[in-house]
Amino acid sequence: MTKLSAVQEAILQLDHEEQTRLRIWLDKKALDLEEDSPELETELLKAVQGPHSPLSKADLEAVAERVLRESRSRRSA
């Protein structure tokens, strides 16, 4: 299984509301895949490979904010 297919499979496991929130979040953030993809990939792979339990909205937002914060700090360094 490729990393992309693992991520796609994980996204498909989200319920409709979570998929919608993810789509909105991605649209808002307008991710620069060249800059953000390693962090995003790492977090998504952790989700796919780790224990599969539902995450709350707060959990997902915390992960997203941490990744963005780390990405911004690397850019400013």
C-alpha atoms as a PDB file:
ATOM      1  CA  MET A   1       0.000   0.000   0.000  1.00  0.00           C
ATOM      2  CA  THR A   2       1.397   3.414  -0.934  1.00  0.00           C
ATOM      3  CA  LYS A   3       1.367   6.349   1.443  1.00  0.00           C
ATOM      4  CA  LEU A   4      -1.208   8.095  -0.695  1.00  0.00           C
ATOM      5  CA  SER A   5      -3.534   5.111  -0.732  1.00  0.00           C
ATOM      6  CA  ALA A   6      -3.140   4.781   3.061  1.00  0.00           C
ATOM      7  CA  VAL A   7      -4.117   8.424   3.506  1.00  0.00           C
ATOM      8  CA  GLN A   8      -7.036   8.051   1.095  1.00  0.00           C
ATOM      9  CA  GLU A   9      -8.249   4.986   2.985  1.00  0.00           C
ATOM     10  CA  ALA A  10      -8.002   6.829   6.314  1.00  0.00           C
ATOM     11  CA  ILE A  11     -10.004   9.753   4.933  1.00  0.00           C
ATOM     12  CA  LEU A  12     -12.673   7.391   3.617  1.00  0.00           C
ATOM     13  CA  GLN A  13     -13.051   5.995   7.146  1.00  0.00           C
ATOM     14  CA  LEU A  14     -14.141   9.421   8.399  1.00  0.00           C
ATOM     15  CA  ASP A  15     -17.861   9.968   8.650  1.00  0.00           C
ATOM     16  CA  HIS A  16     -19.501  12.465   6.288  1.00  0.00           C
ATOM     17  CA  GLU A  17     -19.362  15.335   8.789  1.00  0.00           C
ATOM     18  CA  GLU A  18     -15.640  14.772   9.472  1.00  0.00           C
ATOM     19  CA  GLN A  19     -14.878  14.586   5.743  1.00  0.00           C
ATOM     20  CA  THR A  20     -16.703  17.868   5.249  1.00  0.00           C
ATOM     21  CA  ARG A  21     -14.780  19.520   8.095  1.00  0.00           C
ATOM     22  CA  LEU A  22     -11.494  18.216   6.644  1.00  0.00           C
ATOM     23  CA  ARG A  23     -12.387  19.594   3.211  1.00  0.00           C
ATOM     24  CA  ILE A  24     -13.243  23.005   4.704  1.00  0.00           C
ATOM     25  CA  TRP A  25     -10.051  23.034   6.782  1.00  0.00           C
ATOM     26  CA  LEU A  26      -7.903  22.178   3.758  1.00  0.00           C
ATOM     27  CA  ASP A  27      -9.604  24.868   1.702  1.00  0.00           C
ATOM     28  CA  LYS A  28      -9.020  27.469   4.438  1.00  0.00           C
ATOM     29  CA  LYS A  29      -5.395  26.577   4.922  1.00  0.00           C
ATOM     30  CA  ALA A  30      -4.587  26.423   1.201  1.00  0.00           C
ATOM     31  CA  LEU A  31      -1.729  24.079   1.970  1.00  0.00           C
ATOM     32  CA  ASP A  32       1.486  24.542   0.085  1.00  0.00           C
ATOM     33  CA  LEU A  33       2.203  20.868  -0.462  1.00  0.00           C
ATOM     34  CA  GLU A  34       5.905  21.525  -1.016  1.00  0.00           C
ATOM     35  CA  GLU A  35       6.164  23.134   2.434  1.00  0.00           C
ATOM     36  CA  ASP A  36       3.544  21.324   4.487  1.00  0.00           C
ATOM     37  CA  SER A  37       3.425  17.836   3.011  1.00  0.00           C
ATOM     38  CA  PRO A  38       6.107  16.180   5.197  1.00  0.00           C
ATOM     39  CA  GLU A  39       4.330  17.208   8.399  1.00  0.00           C
ATOM     40  CA  LEU A  40       0.882  16.467   7.047  1.00  0.00           C
ATOM     41  CA  GLU A  41       2.062  13.111   5.731  1.00  0.00           C
ATOM     42  CA  THR A  42       3.622  12.244   9.105  1.00  0.00           C
ATOM     43  CA  GLU A  43       0.445  13.031  11.033  1.00  0.00           C
ATOM     44  CA  LEU A  44      -1.819  11.214   8.587  1.00  0.00           C
ATOM     45  CA  LEU A  45       0.418   8.151   8.602  1.00  0.00           C
ATOM     46  CA  LYS A  46       0.391   8.134  12.412  1.00  0.00           C
ATOM     47  CA  ALA A  47      -3.395   8.111  12.235  1.00  0.00           C
ATOM     48  CA  VAL A  48      -3.440   5.268   9.722  1.00  0.00           C
ATOM     49  CA  GLN A  49      -0.830   3.129  11.457  1.00  0.00           C
ATOM     50  CA  GLY A  50      -1.838   3.829  15.047  1.00  0.00           C
ATOM     51  CA  PRO A  51      -4.767   2.578  17.039  1.00  0.00           C
ATOM     52  CA  HIS A  52      -7.998   3.223  15.191  1.00  0.00           C
ATOM     53  CA  SER A  53     -10.249   5.078  17.540  1.00  0.00           C
ATOM     54  CA  PRO A  54     -12.459   8.017  16.716  1.00  0.00           C
ATOM     55  CA  LEU A  55     -10.889  11.427  17.173  1.00  0.00           C
ATOM     56  CA  SER A  56     -12.871  14.372  18.353  1.00  0.00           C
ATOM     57  CA  LYS A  57     -13.016  17.637  16.486  1.00  0.00           C
ATOM     58  CA  ALA A  58     -10.786  19.151  19.178  1.00  0.00           C
ATOM     59  CA  ASP A  59      -8.193  16.372  18.681  1.00  0.00           C
ATOM     60  CA  LEU A  60      -8.066  16.946  14.917  1.00  0.00           C
ATOM     61  CA  GLU A  61      -7.846  20.712  15.318  1.00  0.00           C
ATOM     62  CA  ALA A  62      -5.018  20.347  17.857  1.00  0.00           C
ATOM     63  CA  VAL A  63      -3.011  18.186  15.447  1.00  0.00           C
ATOM     64  CA  ALA A  64      -3.601  20.619  12.600  1.00  0.00           C
ATOM     65  CA  GLU A  65      -2.575  23.624  14.700  1.00  0.00           C
ATOM     66  CA  ARG A  66       0.584  21.875  15.943  1.00  0.00           C
ATOM     67  CA  VAL A  67       1.656  20.968  12.405  1.00  0.00           C
ATOM     68  CA  LEU A  68       1.024  24.492  11.160  1.00  0.00           C
ATOM     69  CA  ARG A  69       2.886  26.002  14.143  1.00  0.00           C
ATOM     70  CA  GLU A  70       5.910  23.743  13.509  1.00  0.00           C
ATOM     71  CA  SER A  71       5.854  24.558   9.818  1.00  0.00           C
ATOM     72  CA  ARG A  72       5.712  28.312  10.478  1.00  0.00           C
ATOM     73  CA  SER A  73       8.574  28.145  12.983  1.00  0.00           C
ATOM     74  CA  ARG A  74      10.782  26.308  10.467  1.00  0.00           C
ATOM     75  CA  ARG A  75      10.021  28.897   7.792  1.00  0.00           C
ATOM     76  CA  SER A  76      10.908  31.799  10.076  1.00  0.00           C
ATOM     77  CA  ALA A  77      14.135  30.169  11.292  1.00  0.00           C
END
